Amino acid sequence: MAIPLVVVLAAMLLTPVTAYAQAARSYKVLSTSKTSTMQKEMQEAGDSGYRFVSVMGGETAIGGKEVVVLMEKVAADRTKYSYRLLATTKTSTLQKELQEAADAGWEAVGQTVFSSTFGGSETAGILEKSTETPSSIKYDYKLIATSKTSTLQKEVQEAADQGYQAVGMTVGKTAMGGSEIIVITRKVVR
């Protein structure tokens, strides 16, 4: 059975596009145990056109307790990105600082837990702003923090009923020494 010419031509046309799409991306992996260092490195990458992809905190094989951030750059994208990290042991402080940043046009794109070299753990929110960020879109943020998953279910649903959408979740230590599940939710306000 012969393969129709249309199928052969389509395959030939799509192959270079796929190869280009794969070759047009580059990545940076950033790792540190200090929030100030991570913010500086993320900002330098953002100035070069790299955009935040993902974050994870924990113990790496060689680096010990650190946070690892993956950033991506697409060759055709000329957008510049700015980054701000908010880190605190108090969820009420994170809620306040997150809303203040949102009012200034920043958007939450990730969260994790930083374990400092002095033994403390901080919940960190990663905020992004770009040259393409529409100034007309503003967010209202609401943090949900609880130690019980049954309470979390109820509170996340109540937030959803008020128009909020969950955008991230971590498990972190509180200033009082307990563990909390922390969910960042937001809704668009104009």
N, C-alpha and C. Protein backbone atom coordinates (compact mmCIF):
# COMPACT_ATOMS: atom_id res chain seq x y z
N MET A 1 0.85 -1.18 0.00
CA MET A 1 0.00 0.00 0.00
C MET A 1 0.89 1.24 0.00
N ALA A 2 0.64 2.16 -0.89
CA ALA A 2 1.43 3.38 -1.02
C ALA A 2 0.93 4.44 -0.05
N ILE A 3 1.86 5.22 0.48
CA ILE A 3 1.50 6.32 1.39
C ILE A 3 1.14 7.53 0.53
N PRO A 4 -0.01 8.14 0.79
CA PRO A 4 -0.43 9.29 0.00
C PRO A 4 0.60 10.42 0.07
N LEU A 5 0.79 11.12 -1.04
CA LEU A 5 1.76 12.21 -1.14
C LEU A 5 1.48 13.30 -0.12
N VAL A 6 0.22 13.55 0.18
CA VAL A 6 -0.15 14.60 1.15
C VAL A 6 0.42 14.27 2.52
N VAL A 7 0.38 13.00 2.92
CA VAL A 7 0.90 12.59 4.22
C VAL A 7 2.41 12.76 4.26
N VAL A 8 3.09 12.39 3.18
CA VAL A 8 4.54 12.53 3.11
C VAL A 8 4.94 13.99 3.18
N LEU A 9 4.27 14.86 2.45
CA LEU A 9 4.57 16.29 2.47
C LEU A 9 4.30 16.90 3.84
N ALA A 10 3.22 16.52 4.48
CA ALA A 10 2.90 17.03 5.82
C ALA A 10 3.98 16.64 6.81
N ALA A 11 4.44 15.39 6.74
CA ALA A 11 5.50 14.93 7.65
C ALA A 11 6.79 15.71 7.41
N MET A 12 7.10 15.99 6.16
CA MET A 12 8.33 16.74 5.85
C MET A 12 8.23 18.17 6.35
N LEU A 13 7.07 18.77 6.24
CA LEU A 13 6.89 20.15 6.69
C LEU A 13 6.92 20.27 8.20
N LEU A 14 6.39 19.29 8.90
CA LEU A 14 6.33 19.36 10.36
C LEU A 14 7.66 19.03 11.03
N THR A 15 8.48 18.24 10.44
CA THR A 15 9.76 17.84 11.04
C THR A 15 10.65 19.04 11.33
N PRO A 16 10.90 19.97 10.41
CA PRO A 16 11.75 21.12 10.74
C PRO A 16 11.16 22.00 11.83
N VAL A 17 9.84 22.14 11.86
CA VAL A 17 9.20 22.97 12.89
C VAL A 17 9.43 22.35 14.26
N THR A 18 9.27 21.05 14.37
CA THR A 18 9.49 20.37 15.64
C THR A 18 10.94 20.51 16.07
N ALA A 19 11.87 20.32 15.16
CA ALA A 19 13.29 20.46 15.48
C ALA A 19 13.60 21.88 15.93
N TYR A 20 13.02 22.88 15.25
CA TYR A 20 13.26 24.27 15.64
C TYR A 20 12.70 24.55 17.03
N ALA A 21 11.48 24.07 17.29
CA ALA A 21 10.85 24.32 18.59
C ALA A 21 11.68 23.72 19.71
N GLN A 22 12.26 22.54 19.48
CA GLN A 22 13.08 21.92 20.49
C GLN A 22 14.40 22.66 20.68
N ALA A 23 14.97 23.17 19.62
CA ALA A 23 16.27 23.85 19.69
C ALA A 23 16.15 25.28 20.17
N ALA A 24 14.94 25.84 20.16
CA ALA A 24 14.75 27.25 20.47
C ALA A 24 14.62 27.52 21.97
N ARG A 25 14.79 26.53 22.81
CA ARG A 25 14.66 26.70 24.26
C ARG A 25 15.99 26.47 24.95
N SER A 26 16.22 27.25 26.00
CA SER A 26 17.38 26.98 26.85
C SER A 26 16.93 27.11 28.30
N TYR A 27 17.65 26.46 29.18
CA TYR A 27 17.26 26.40 30.59
C TYR A 27 18.41 26.82 31.50
N LYS A 28 18.04 27.35 32.66
CA LYS A 28 18.97 27.67 33.73
C LYS A 28 18.45 27.00 34.99
N VAL A 29 19.35 26.37 35.72
CA VAL A 29 19.01 25.81 37.02
C VAL A 29 19.74 26.65 38.06
N LEU A 30 18.98 27.21 38.97
CA LEU A 30 19.53 28.05 40.04
C LEU A 30 19.32 27.33 41.36
N SER A 31 20.32 27.36 42.23
CA SER A 31 20.17 26.72 43.54
C SER A 31 20.94 27.49 44.59
N THR A 32 20.32 27.63 45.76
CA THR A 32 20.94 28.33 46.88
C THR A 32 20.14 28.06 48.15
N SER A 33 20.71 28.40 49.27
CA SER A 33 19.99 28.29 50.54
C SER A 33 19.58 29.66 51.06
N LYS A 34 19.88 30.72 50.31
CA LYS A 34 19.55 32.09 50.75
C LYS A 34 18.52 32.72 49.82
N THR A 35 17.46 33.26 50.40
CA THR A 35 16.43 33.90 49.57
C THR A 35 16.98 35.11 48.83
N SER A 36 17.85 35.88 49.46
CA SER A 36 18.39 37.08 48.80
C SER A 36 19.23 36.69 47.58
N THR A 37 19.99 35.61 47.69
CA THR A 37 20.79 35.15 46.56
C THR A 37 19.88 34.66 45.44
N MET A 38 18.82 33.92 45.79
CA MET A 38 17.91 33.40 44.77
C MET A 38 17.22 34.55 44.04
N GLN A 39 16.77 35.56 44.78
CA GLN A 39 16.12 36.69 44.12
C GLN A 39 17.09 37.37 43.15
N LYS A 40 18.32 37.57 43.56
CA LYS A 40 19.33 38.21 42.71
C LYS A 40 19.58 37.38 41.45
N GLU A 41 19.75 36.07 41.61
CA GLU A 41 20.02 35.21 40.46
C GLU A 41 18.81 35.11 39.53
N MET A 42 17.62 35.07 40.11
CA MET A 42 16.42 35.03 39.27
C MET A 42 16.26 36.33 38.50
N GLN A 43 16.57 37.45 39.14
CA GLN A 43 16.46 38.73 38.46
C GLN A 43 17.44 38.84 37.31
N GLU A 44 18.68 38.38 37.53
CA GLU A 44 19.68 38.39 36.46
C GLU A 44 19.21 37.52 35.28
N ALA A 45 18.65 36.36 35.57
CA ALA A 45 18.14 35.48 34.52
C ALA A 45 16.96 36.14 33.81
N GLY A 46 16.06 36.77 34.58
CA GLY A 46 14.91 37.45 33.99
C GLY A 46 15.31 38.59 33.08
N ASP A 47 16.35 39.33 33.45
CA ASP A 47 16.87 40.41 32.60
C ASP A 47 17.38 39.86 31.27
N SER A 48 17.79 38.60 31.26
CA SER A 48 18.28 37.95 30.04
C SER A 48 17.18 37.23 29.27
N GLY A 49 15.94 37.35 29.75
CA GLY A 49 14.81 36.75 29.04
C GLY A 49 14.37 35.39 29.55
N TYR A 50 14.97 34.93 30.67
CA TYR A 50 14.55 33.66 31.24
C TYR A 50 13.31 33.87 32.09
N ARG A 51 12.41 32.88 32.04
CA ARG A 51 11.16 32.94 32.78
C ARG A 51 11.07 31.77 33.75
N PHE A 52 10.51 32.03 34.92
CA PHE A 52 10.31 31.01 35.95
C PHE A 52 9.46 29.86 35.41
N VAL A 53 9.89 28.62 35.72
CA VAL A 53 9.12 27.43 35.34
C VAL A 53 8.65 26.69 36.59
N SER A 54 9.59 26.39 37.51
CA SER A 54 9.23 25.58 38.67
C SER A 54 10.23 25.79 39.80
N VAL A 55 9.81 25.44 41.02
CA VAL A 55 10.66 25.57 42.20
C VAL A 55 10.43 24.38 43.11
N MET A 56 11.48 23.98 43.81
CA MET A 56 11.38 22.91 44.79
C MET A 56 12.40 23.15 45.89
N GLY A 57 11.97 23.04 47.11
CA GLY A 57 12.87 23.16 48.25
C GLY A 57 13.11 21.80 48.86
N GLY A 58 14.30 21.59 49.41
CA GLY A 58 14.59 20.32 50.07
C GLY A 58 16.08 20.08 50.15
N GLU A 59 16.44 18.84 50.32
CA GLU A 59 17.85 18.47 50.41
C GLU A 59 18.32 17.89 49.09
N THR A 60 19.36 18.49 48.54
CA THR A 60 19.98 17.93 47.34
C THR A 60 21.19 17.12 47.77
N ALA A 61 21.66 16.25 46.88
CA ALA A 61 22.75 15.34 47.22
C ALA A 61 24.02 16.06 47.64
N ILE A 62 24.36 17.14 46.98
CA ILE A 62 25.61 17.84 47.28
C ILE A 62 25.38 19.17 47.99
N GLY A 63 24.33 19.88 47.63
CA GLY A 63 24.10 21.22 48.16
C GLY A 63 23.49 21.27 49.54
N GLY A 64 22.99 20.14 50.04
CA GLY A 64 22.33 20.17 51.34
C GLY A 64 20.95 20.78 51.23
N LYS A 65 20.54 21.51 52.26
CA LYS A 65 19.23 22.16 52.25
C LYS A 65 19.30 23.39 51.35
N GLU A 66 18.56 23.33 50.26
CA GLU A 66 18.55 24.46 49.34
C GLU A 66 17.28 24.46 48.52
N VAL A 67 17.08 25.54 47.82
CA VAL A 67 15.96 25.68 46.90
C VAL A 67 16.52 25.67 45.50
N VAL A 68 15.84 24.93 44.63
CA VAL A 68 16.26 24.81 43.24
C VAL A 68 15.16 25.39 42.37
N VAL A 69 15.53 26.31 41.47
CA VAL A 69 14.59 26.95 40.56
C VAL A 69 14.99 26.60 39.13
N LEU A 70 14.00 26.26 38.32
CA LEU A 70 14.20 26.00 36.90
C LEU A 70 13.63 27.18 36.12
N MET A 71 14.45 27.74 35.23
CA MET A 71 14.01 28.86 34.39
C MET A 71 14.24 28.50 32.93
N GLU A 72 13.38 29.05 32.06
CA GLU A 72 13.40 28.72 30.64
C GLU A 72 13.44 29.98 29.80
N LYS A 73 14.16 29.90 28.69
CA LYS A 73 14.20 31.01 27.74
C LYS A 73 13.84 30.45 26.36
N VAL A 74 12.89 31.13 25.72
CA VAL A 74 12.51 30.78 24.36
C VAL A 74 13.15 31.82 23.45
N ALA A 75 13.93 31.36 22.47
CA ALA A 75 14.73 32.25 21.64
C ALA A 75 13.93 33.38 20.99
N ALA A 76 12.72 33.09 20.54
CA ALA A 76 11.92 34.09 19.83
C ALA A 76 11.26 35.10 20.78
N ASP A 77 11.24 34.83 22.07
CA ASP A 77 10.58 35.69 23.06
C ASP A 77 11.55 36.79 23.52
N ARG A 78 11.20 38.03 23.32
CA ARG A 78 12.04 39.17 23.71
C ARG A 78 11.58 39.82 25.02
N THR A 79 10.66 39.16 25.71
CA THR A 79 10.13 39.67 26.97
C THR A 79 11.21 39.64 28.04
N LYS A 80 11.23 40.67 28.88
CA LYS A 80 12.12 40.71 30.05
C LYS A 80 11.25 40.47 31.29
N TYR A 81 11.79 39.73 32.24
CA TYR A 81 11.04 39.36 33.44
C TYR A 81 11.73 39.89 34.68
N SER A 82 10.91 40.30 35.65
CA SER A 82 11.41 40.75 36.95
C SER A 82 10.87 39.80 38.01
N TYR A 83 11.67 39.59 39.05
CA TYR A 83 11.30 38.66 40.10
C TYR A 83 11.47 39.26 41.48
N ARG A 84 10.59 38.85 42.37
CA ARG A 84 10.64 39.24 43.77
C ARG A 84 10.31 38.00 44.60
N LEU A 85 11.08 37.76 45.64
CA LEU A 85 10.81 36.65 46.56
C LEU A 85 10.35 37.21 47.89
N LEU A 86 9.28 36.65 48.39
CA LEU A 86 8.77 36.99 49.72
C LEU A 86 8.98 35.76 50.58
N ALA A 87 9.63 35.91 51.71
CA ALA A 87 9.88 34.76 52.59
C ALA A 87 9.66 35.16 54.03
N THR A 88 8.89 34.35 54.74
CA THR A 88 8.58 34.65 56.13
C THR A 88 8.16 33.38 56.86
N THR A 89 8.23 33.43 58.18
CA THR A 89 7.76 32.31 58.99
C THR A 89 6.31 32.50 59.40
N LYS A 90 5.75 33.68 59.15
CA LYS A 90 4.36 33.97 59.53
C LYS A 90 3.49 34.09 58.28
N THR A 91 2.44 33.29 58.22
CA THR A 91 1.55 33.36 57.06
C THR A 91 0.83 34.70 56.98
N SER A 92 0.57 35.33 58.11
CA SER A 92 -0.09 36.64 58.07
C SER A 92 0.81 37.68 57.41
N THR A 93 2.11 37.59 57.65
CA THR A 93 3.06 38.50 57.01
C THR A 93 3.12 38.23 55.51
N LEU A 94 3.15 36.95 55.13
CA LEU A 94 3.16 36.59 53.72
C LEU A 94 1.91 37.08 53.02
N GLN A 95 0.77 36.94 53.66
CA GLN A 95 -0.50 37.42 53.10
C GLN A 95 -0.43 38.93 52.83
N LYS A 96 0.04 39.69 53.82
CA LYS A 96 0.14 41.15 53.70
C LYS A 96 1.11 41.55 52.59
N GLU A 97 2.31 40.95 52.59
CA GLU A 97 3.32 41.32 51.59
C GLU A 97 2.91 40.88 50.19
N LEU A 98 2.24 39.75 50.08
CA LEU A 98 1.77 39.27 48.79
C LEU A 98 0.73 40.21 48.20
N GLN A 99 -0.20 40.67 49.02
CA GLN A 99 -1.22 41.60 48.53
C GLN A 99 -0.63 42.95 48.15
N GLU A 100 0.32 43.44 48.95
CA GLU A 100 0.98 44.71 48.62
C GLU A 100 1.71 44.61 47.28
N ALA A 101 2.39 43.48 47.04
CA ALA A 101 3.08 43.28 45.77
C ALA A 101 2.08 43.17 44.63
N ALA A 102 0.98 42.47 44.84
CA ALA A 102 -0.05 42.32 43.80
C ALA A 102 -0.63 43.69 43.43
N ASP A 103 -0.82 44.54 44.42
CA ASP A 103 -1.34 45.88 44.15
C ASP A 103 -0.36 46.69 43.30
N ALA A 104 0.92 46.32 43.32
CA ALA A 104 1.95 46.99 42.51
C ALA A 104 2.17 46.28 41.17
N GLY A 105 1.32 45.28 40.87
CA GLY A 105 1.40 44.62 39.56
C GLY A 105 2.14 43.30 39.51
N TRP A 106 2.56 42.78 40.65
CA TRP A 106 3.27 41.50 40.68
C TRP A 106 2.27 40.35 40.71
N GLU A 107 2.68 39.19 40.18
CA GLU A 107 1.82 38.01 40.14
C GLU A 107 2.55 36.83 40.77
N ALA A 108 1.87 36.09 41.64
CA ALA A 108 2.47 34.90 42.26
C ALA A 108 2.56 33.80 41.22
N VAL A 109 3.78 33.23 41.08
CA VAL A 109 3.98 32.16 40.10
C VAL A 109 4.51 30.88 40.74
N GLY A 110 4.93 30.95 42.00
CA GLY A 110 5.43 29.75 42.65
C GLY A 110 5.58 29.94 44.14
N GLN A 111 5.73 28.83 44.85
CA GLN A 111 5.98 28.90 46.29
C GLN A 111 6.72 27.65 46.72
N THR A 112 7.48 27.79 47.79
CA THR A 112 8.24 26.68 48.33
C THR A 112 8.58 26.99 49.79
N VAL A 113 9.41 26.16 50.38
CA VAL A 113 9.89 26.38 51.74
C VAL A 113 11.41 26.47 51.68
N PHE A 114 11.95 27.55 52.23
CA PHE A 114 13.40 27.74 52.37
C PHE A 114 13.78 27.30 53.77
N SER A 115 14.80 26.47 53.88
CA SER A 115 15.36 26.12 55.19
C SER A 115 16.69 26.85 55.30
N SER A 116 16.75 27.80 56.20
CA SER A 116 17.96 28.61 56.32
C SER A 116 19.06 27.86 57.05
N THR A 117 20.27 28.35 56.90
CA THR A 117 21.42 27.74 57.56
C THR A 117 21.36 27.91 59.08
N PHE A 118 20.51 28.80 59.55
CA PHE A 118 20.38 29.02 60.99
C PHE A 118 19.27 28.17 61.60
N GLY A 119 18.70 27.24 60.82
CA GLY A 119 17.75 26.29 61.37
C GLY A 119 16.30 26.64 61.20
N GLY A 120 15.97 27.79 60.68
CA GLY A 120 14.58 28.15 60.51
C GLY A 120 14.05 27.80 59.14
N SER A 121 12.75 27.68 59.04
CA SER A 121 12.10 27.44 57.76
C SER A 121 11.19 28.60 57.45
N GLU A 122 11.23 29.04 56.20
CA GLU A 122 10.39 30.14 55.75
C GLU A 122 9.58 29.70 54.54
N THR A 123 8.32 30.07 54.52
CA THR A 123 7.51 29.87 53.32
C THR A 123 7.83 31.02 52.40
N ALA A 124 8.11 30.70 51.14
CA ALA A 124 8.50 31.72 50.18
C ALA A 124 7.54 31.74 49.00
N GLY A 125 7.17 32.93 48.61
CA GLY A 125 6.36 33.13 47.41
C GLY A 125 7.24 33.76 46.34
N ILE A 126 7.15 33.27 45.13
CA ILE A 126 7.91 33.82 44.00
C ILE A 126 6.94 34.64 43.17
N LEU A 127 7.30 35.91 42.96
CA LEU A 127 6.45 36.82 42.22
C LEU A 127 7.13 37.22 40.93
N GLU A 128 6.32 37.45 39.90
CA GLU A 128 6.85 37.78 38.58
C GLU A 128 6.10 38.97 38.00
N LYS A 129 6.86 39.76 37.24
CA LYS A 129 6.29 40.88 36.47
C LYS A 129 7.09 40.89 35.18
N SER A 130 6.44 41.20 34.07
CA SER A 130 7.18 41.22 32.80
C SER A 130 6.84 42.48 32.01
N THR A 131 7.61 42.68 30.95
CA THR A 131 7.34 43.82 30.08
C THR A 131 6.02 43.64 29.34
N GLU A 132 5.47 42.43 29.37
CA GLU A 132 4.20 42.14 28.71
C GLU A 132 3.03 42.01 29.69
N THR A 133 3.28 42.18 30.97
CA THR A 133 2.22 42.05 31.97
C THR A 133 1.18 43.15 31.77
N PRO A 134 -0.07 42.78 31.53
CA PRO A 134 -1.10 43.81 31.35
C PRO A 134 -1.34 44.56 32.66
N SER A 135 -1.30 45.87 32.61
CA SER A 135 -1.51 46.66 33.83
C SER A 135 -2.97 46.67 34.25
N SER A 136 -3.87 46.24 33.37
CA SER A 136 -5.29 46.26 33.70
C SER A 136 -5.71 45.07 34.57
N ILE A 137 -4.89 44.03 34.64
CA ILE A 137 -5.24 42.87 35.45
C ILE A 137 -4.60 43.00 36.83
N LYS A 138 -5.43 42.96 37.84
CA LYS A 138 -4.98 43.00 39.24
C LYS A 138 -5.58 41.81 39.96
N TYR A 139 -4.86 41.33 40.97
CA TYR A 139 -5.32 40.18 41.72
C TYR A 139 -5.52 40.52 43.19
N ASP A 140 -6.49 39.84 43.77
CA ASP A 140 -6.69 39.86 45.22
C ASP A 140 -6.26 38.47 45.69
N TYR A 141 -5.30 38.43 46.61
CA TYR A 141 -4.77 37.16 47.11
C TYR A 141 -5.33 36.83 48.48
N LYS A 142 -5.50 35.55 48.69
CA LYS A 142 -5.96 35.05 49.99
C LYS A 142 -5.16 33.80 50.31
N LEU A 143 -4.46 33.81 51.44
CA LEU A 143 -3.72 32.64 51.88
C LEU A 143 -4.59 31.80 52.80
N ILE A 144 -4.54 30.52 52.58
CA ILE A 144 -5.23 29.58 53.45
C ILE A 144 -4.15 28.76 54.13
N ALA A 145 -4.17 28.76 55.46
CA ALA A 145 -3.15 28.03 56.22
C ALA A 145 -3.83 27.23 57.32
N THR A 146 -3.58 25.93 57.33
CA THR A 146 -4.17 25.06 58.32
C THR A 146 -3.30 23.83 58.52
N SER A 147 -3.47 23.17 59.64
CA SER A 147 -2.71 21.95 59.90
C SER A 147 -3.52 20.70 59.57
N LYS A 148 -4.79 20.86 59.24
CA LYS A 148 -5.67 19.72 58.97
C LYS A 148 -6.15 19.71 57.52
N THR A 149 -6.02 18.57 56.87
CA THR A 149 -6.48 18.47 55.49
C THR A 149 -8.00 18.60 55.39
N SER A 150 -8.72 18.15 56.40
CA SER A 150 -10.19 18.29 56.37
C SER A 150 -10.59 19.76 56.43
N THR A 151 -9.88 20.55 57.22
CA THR A 151 -10.13 21.99 57.27
C THR A 151 -9.74 22.63 55.95
N LEU A 152 -8.63 22.18 55.37
CA LEU A 152 -8.17 22.72 54.10
C LEU A 152 -9.22 22.54 53.02
N GLN A 153 -9.80 21.35 52.93
CA GLN A 153 -10.85 21.09 51.94
C GLN A 153 -11.96 22.12 52.05
N LYS A 154 -12.44 22.32 53.26
CA LYS A 154 -13.54 23.26 53.51
C LYS A 154 -13.15 24.69 53.15
N GLU A 155 -11.95 25.13 53.57
CA GLU A 155 -11.54 26.51 53.34
C GLU A 155 -11.23 26.79 51.87
N VAL A 156 -10.63 25.82 51.17
CA VAL A 156 -10.36 26.01 49.74
C VAL A 156 -11.68 26.11 48.99
N GLN A 157 -12.66 25.28 49.34
CA GLN A 157 -13.95 25.34 48.67
C GLN A 157 -14.67 26.65 48.95
N GLU A 158 -14.58 27.13 50.20
CA GLU A 158 -15.19 28.44 50.53
C GLU A 158 -14.55 29.55 49.71
N ALA A 159 -13.24 29.50 49.56
CA ALA A 159 -12.55 30.50 48.74
C ALA A 159 -12.99 30.40 47.29
N ALA A 160 -13.11 29.18 46.78
CA ALA A 160 -13.57 28.98 45.39
C ALA A 160 -14.98 29.54 45.21
N ASP A 161 -15.83 29.35 46.20
CA ASP A 161 -17.21 29.88 46.14
C ASP A 161 -17.21 31.41 46.11
N GLN A 162 -16.12 32.04 46.59
CA GLN A 162 -15.99 33.50 46.56
C GLN A 162 -15.25 33.97 45.32
N GLY A 163 -14.92 33.04 44.40
CA GLY A 163 -14.27 33.40 43.15
C GLY A 163 -12.76 33.25 43.13
N TYR A 164 -12.17 32.69 44.18
CA TYR A 164 -10.72 32.50 44.23
C TYR A 164 -10.33 31.19 43.56
N GLN A 165 -9.13 31.18 43.00
CA GLN A 165 -8.57 29.99 42.37
C GLN A 165 -7.25 29.67 43.06
N ALA A 166 -7.03 28.39 43.37
CA ALA A 166 -5.76 27.97 43.98
C ALA A 166 -4.65 28.05 42.94
N VAL A 167 -3.49 28.63 43.34
CA VAL A 167 -2.36 28.76 42.41
C VAL A 167 -1.09 28.11 42.95
N GLY A 168 -1.11 27.61 44.18
CA GLY A 168 0.07 26.95 44.72
C GLY A 168 -0.18 26.42 46.11
N MET A 169 0.64 25.42 46.50
CA MET A 169 0.48 24.81 47.82
C MET A 169 1.83 24.29 48.31
N THR A 170 2.11 24.49 49.59
CA THR A 170 3.29 23.92 50.23
C THR A 170 2.92 23.48 51.64
N VAL A 171 3.79 22.70 52.22
CA VAL A 171 3.69 22.37 53.64
C VAL A 171 4.90 23.01 54.29
N GLY A 172 4.66 23.88 55.26
CA GLY A 172 5.76 24.59 55.90
C GLY A 172 5.62 24.62 57.40
N LYS A 173 6.69 25.02 58.05
CA LYS A 173 6.70 25.16 59.50
C LYS A 173 6.26 26.57 59.85
N THR A 174 5.48 26.67 60.91
CA THR A 174 5.06 27.99 61.38
C THR A 174 6.07 28.54 62.37
N ALA A 175 5.91 29.80 62.70
CA ALA A 175 6.78 30.43 63.69
C ALA A 175 6.65 29.74 65.05
N MET A 176 5.51 29.10 65.28
CA MET A 176 5.28 28.43 66.56
C MET A 176 5.79 26.99 66.55
N GLY A 177 6.35 26.53 65.44
CA GLY A 177 6.95 25.21 65.41
C GLY A 177 6.10 24.10 64.83
N GLY A 178 4.84 24.37 64.49
CA GLY A 178 3.99 23.34 63.91
C GLY A 178 4.06 23.34 62.40
N SER A 179 3.46 22.34 61.78
CA SER A 179 3.40 22.28 60.32
C SER A 179 2.06 22.80 59.84
N GLU A 180 2.10 23.54 58.75
CA GLU A 180 0.88 24.06 58.14
C GLU A 180 0.89 23.76 56.65
N ILE A 181 -0.29 23.50 56.13
CA ILE A 181 -0.48 23.44 54.69
C ILE A 181 -0.87 24.85 54.29
N ILE A 182 -0.13 25.43 53.34
CA ILE A 182 -0.37 26.81 52.94
C ILE A 182 -0.73 26.82 51.46
N VAL A 183 -1.93 27.34 51.17
CA VAL A 183 -2.40 27.44 49.79
C VAL A 183 -2.55 28.92 49.44
N ILE A 184 -1.97 29.30 48.31
CA ILE A 184 -2.16 30.66 47.80
C ILE A 184 -3.31 30.61 46.82
N THR A 185 -4.31 31.46 47.05
CA THR A 185 -5.42 31.57 46.11
C THR A 185 -5.51 33.03 45.65
N ARG A 186 -6.13 33.21 44.49
CA ARG A 186 -6.31 34.57 43.99
C ARG A 186 -7.54 34.66 43.12
N LYS A 187 -8.03 35.90 42.99
CA LYS A 187 -9.09 36.17 42.04
C LYS A 187 -8.78 37.49 41.35
N VAL A 188 -9.26 37.62 40.14
CA VAL A 188 -9.03 38.83 39.35
C VAL A 188 -9.97 39.92 39.86
N VAL A 189 -9.40 41.10 40.08
CA VAL A 189 -10.19 42.29 40.39
C VAL A 189 -9.78 43.38 39.40
N ARG A 190 -10.66 44.22 39.04
CA ARG A 190 -10.33 45.26 38.05
C ARG A 190 -10.39 46.61 38.66
